[in-house]
Protein backbone atom coordinates (compact mmCIF):
# COMPACT_ATOMS: atom_id res chain seq x y z
CA UNK A 1 28.33 30.86 15.30
CA UNK A 2 31.46 29.50 13.75
CA UNK A 3 33.16 31.30 10.91
CA UNK A 4 34.56 29.30 8.07
CA UNK A 5 33.71 26.67 5.52
CA UNK A 6 31.25 24.06 6.69
CA UNK A 7 31.01 21.66 3.78
CA UNK A 8 33.15 20.43 0.88
CA UNK A 9 31.91 23.04 -1.62
CA UNK A 10 32.66 25.89 0.78
CA UNK A 11 36.16 24.53 1.43
CA UNK A 12 36.86 24.37 -2.31
CA UNK A 13 35.54 27.91 -2.83
CA UNK A 14 37.72 29.23 0.01
CA UNK A 15 40.81 27.57 -1.50
CA UNK A 16 39.97 28.95 -4.95
CA UNK A 17 39.45 32.55 -3.89
CA UNK A 18 41.84 32.92 -0.94
CA UNK A 19 44.72 34.22 -3.05
CA UNK A 20 42.74 36.63 -5.23
CA UNK A 21 42.90 40.34 -4.65
CA UNK A 22 39.83 42.46 -4.98
CA UNK A 23 40.08 45.69 -6.89
CA UNK A 24 38.32 48.32 -4.80
CA UNK A 25 38.12 51.44 -6.95
CA UNK A 26 38.61 54.71 -5.15
CA UNK A 27 36.43 57.53 -6.35
CA UNK A 28 38.65 60.58 -6.58
CA UNK A 29 35.99 63.21 -7.13
CA UNK A 30 32.44 63.30 -5.97
CA UNK A 31 29.76 63.48 -8.61
CA UNK A 32 27.85 66.03 -6.53
CA UNK A 33 29.35 69.04 -4.82
CA UNK A 34 28.67 68.57 -1.07
CA UNK A 35 27.89 72.24 -0.48
CA UNK A 36 25.34 72.27 -3.31
CA UNK A 37 23.76 69.10 -1.92
CA UNK A 38 23.50 70.63 1.56
CA UNK A 39 22.00 73.81 0.08
CA UNK A 40 19.41 71.74 -1.80
CA UNK A 41 18.56 69.76 1.35
CA UNK A 42 18.24 73.02 3.31
CA UNK A 43 15.93 74.47 0.66
CA UNK A 44 13.77 71.34 0.73
CA UNK A 45 13.56 71.46 4.53
CA UNK A 46 12.59 75.15 4.46
CA UNK A 47 9.81 74.48 1.93
CA UNK A 48 8.48 71.64 4.09
CA UNK A 49 8.58 73.82 7.23
CA UNK A 50 6.83 76.70 5.46
CA UNK A 51 4.18 74.32 4.12
CA UNK A 52 3.46 73.01 7.62
CA UNK A 53 3.29 76.54 9.05
CA UNK A 54 0.92 77.62 6.29
CA UNK A 55 -1.25 74.57 6.93
CA UNK A 56 -1.43 75.43 10.66
CA UNK A 57 -2.37 79.03 9.92
CA UNK A 58 -5.00 78.00 7.40
CA UNK A 59 -6.52 75.51 9.84
CA UNK A 60 -6.60 78.13 12.59
CA UNK A 61 -8.22 80.70 10.27
CA UNK A 62 -10.84 78.20 9.12
CA UNK A 63 -11.67 77.25 12.71
CA UNK A 64 -12.07 80.93 13.66
CA UNK A 65 -14.27 81.64 10.63
CA UNK A 66 -16.49 78.66 11.35
CA UNK A 67 -16.70 79.57 15.05
CA UNK A 68 -17.92 83.09 14.20
CA UNK A 69 -20.76 81.76 12.05
CA UNK A 70 -22.03 79.08 14.41
CA UNK A 71 -25.65 79.66 15.37
CA UNK A 72 -26.92 77.78 18.35
CA UNK A 73 -30.54 76.67 18.48
CA UNK A 74 -32.43 75.57 21.49
CA UNK A 75 -33.52 71.99 21.22
CA UNK A 76 -36.55 70.47 22.79
CA UNK A 77 -35.74 68.63 25.93
CA UNK A 78 -37.31 65.24 26.15
CA UNK A 79 -39.16 64.91 29.43
CA UNK A 80 -37.80 62.32 31.76
CA UNK A 81 -40.07 59.38 32.55
């Protein structure tokens, strides 16, 4: 891939804008304190982890409760031909 103007319009645009300087503003202060942001992210992660652990425990408890109440019945065996 070649870099540069390929047609007449591109050449004219390059000539027009080659001498212009771009004003890149520098943000002096952050809008959000980094330590507060990290604390919030940590809190969110802890809530998610606790939710997953609670879900696992609830699933395990439900499986145990269902397993204790299972009643097996003998079914009639169909005689082989």
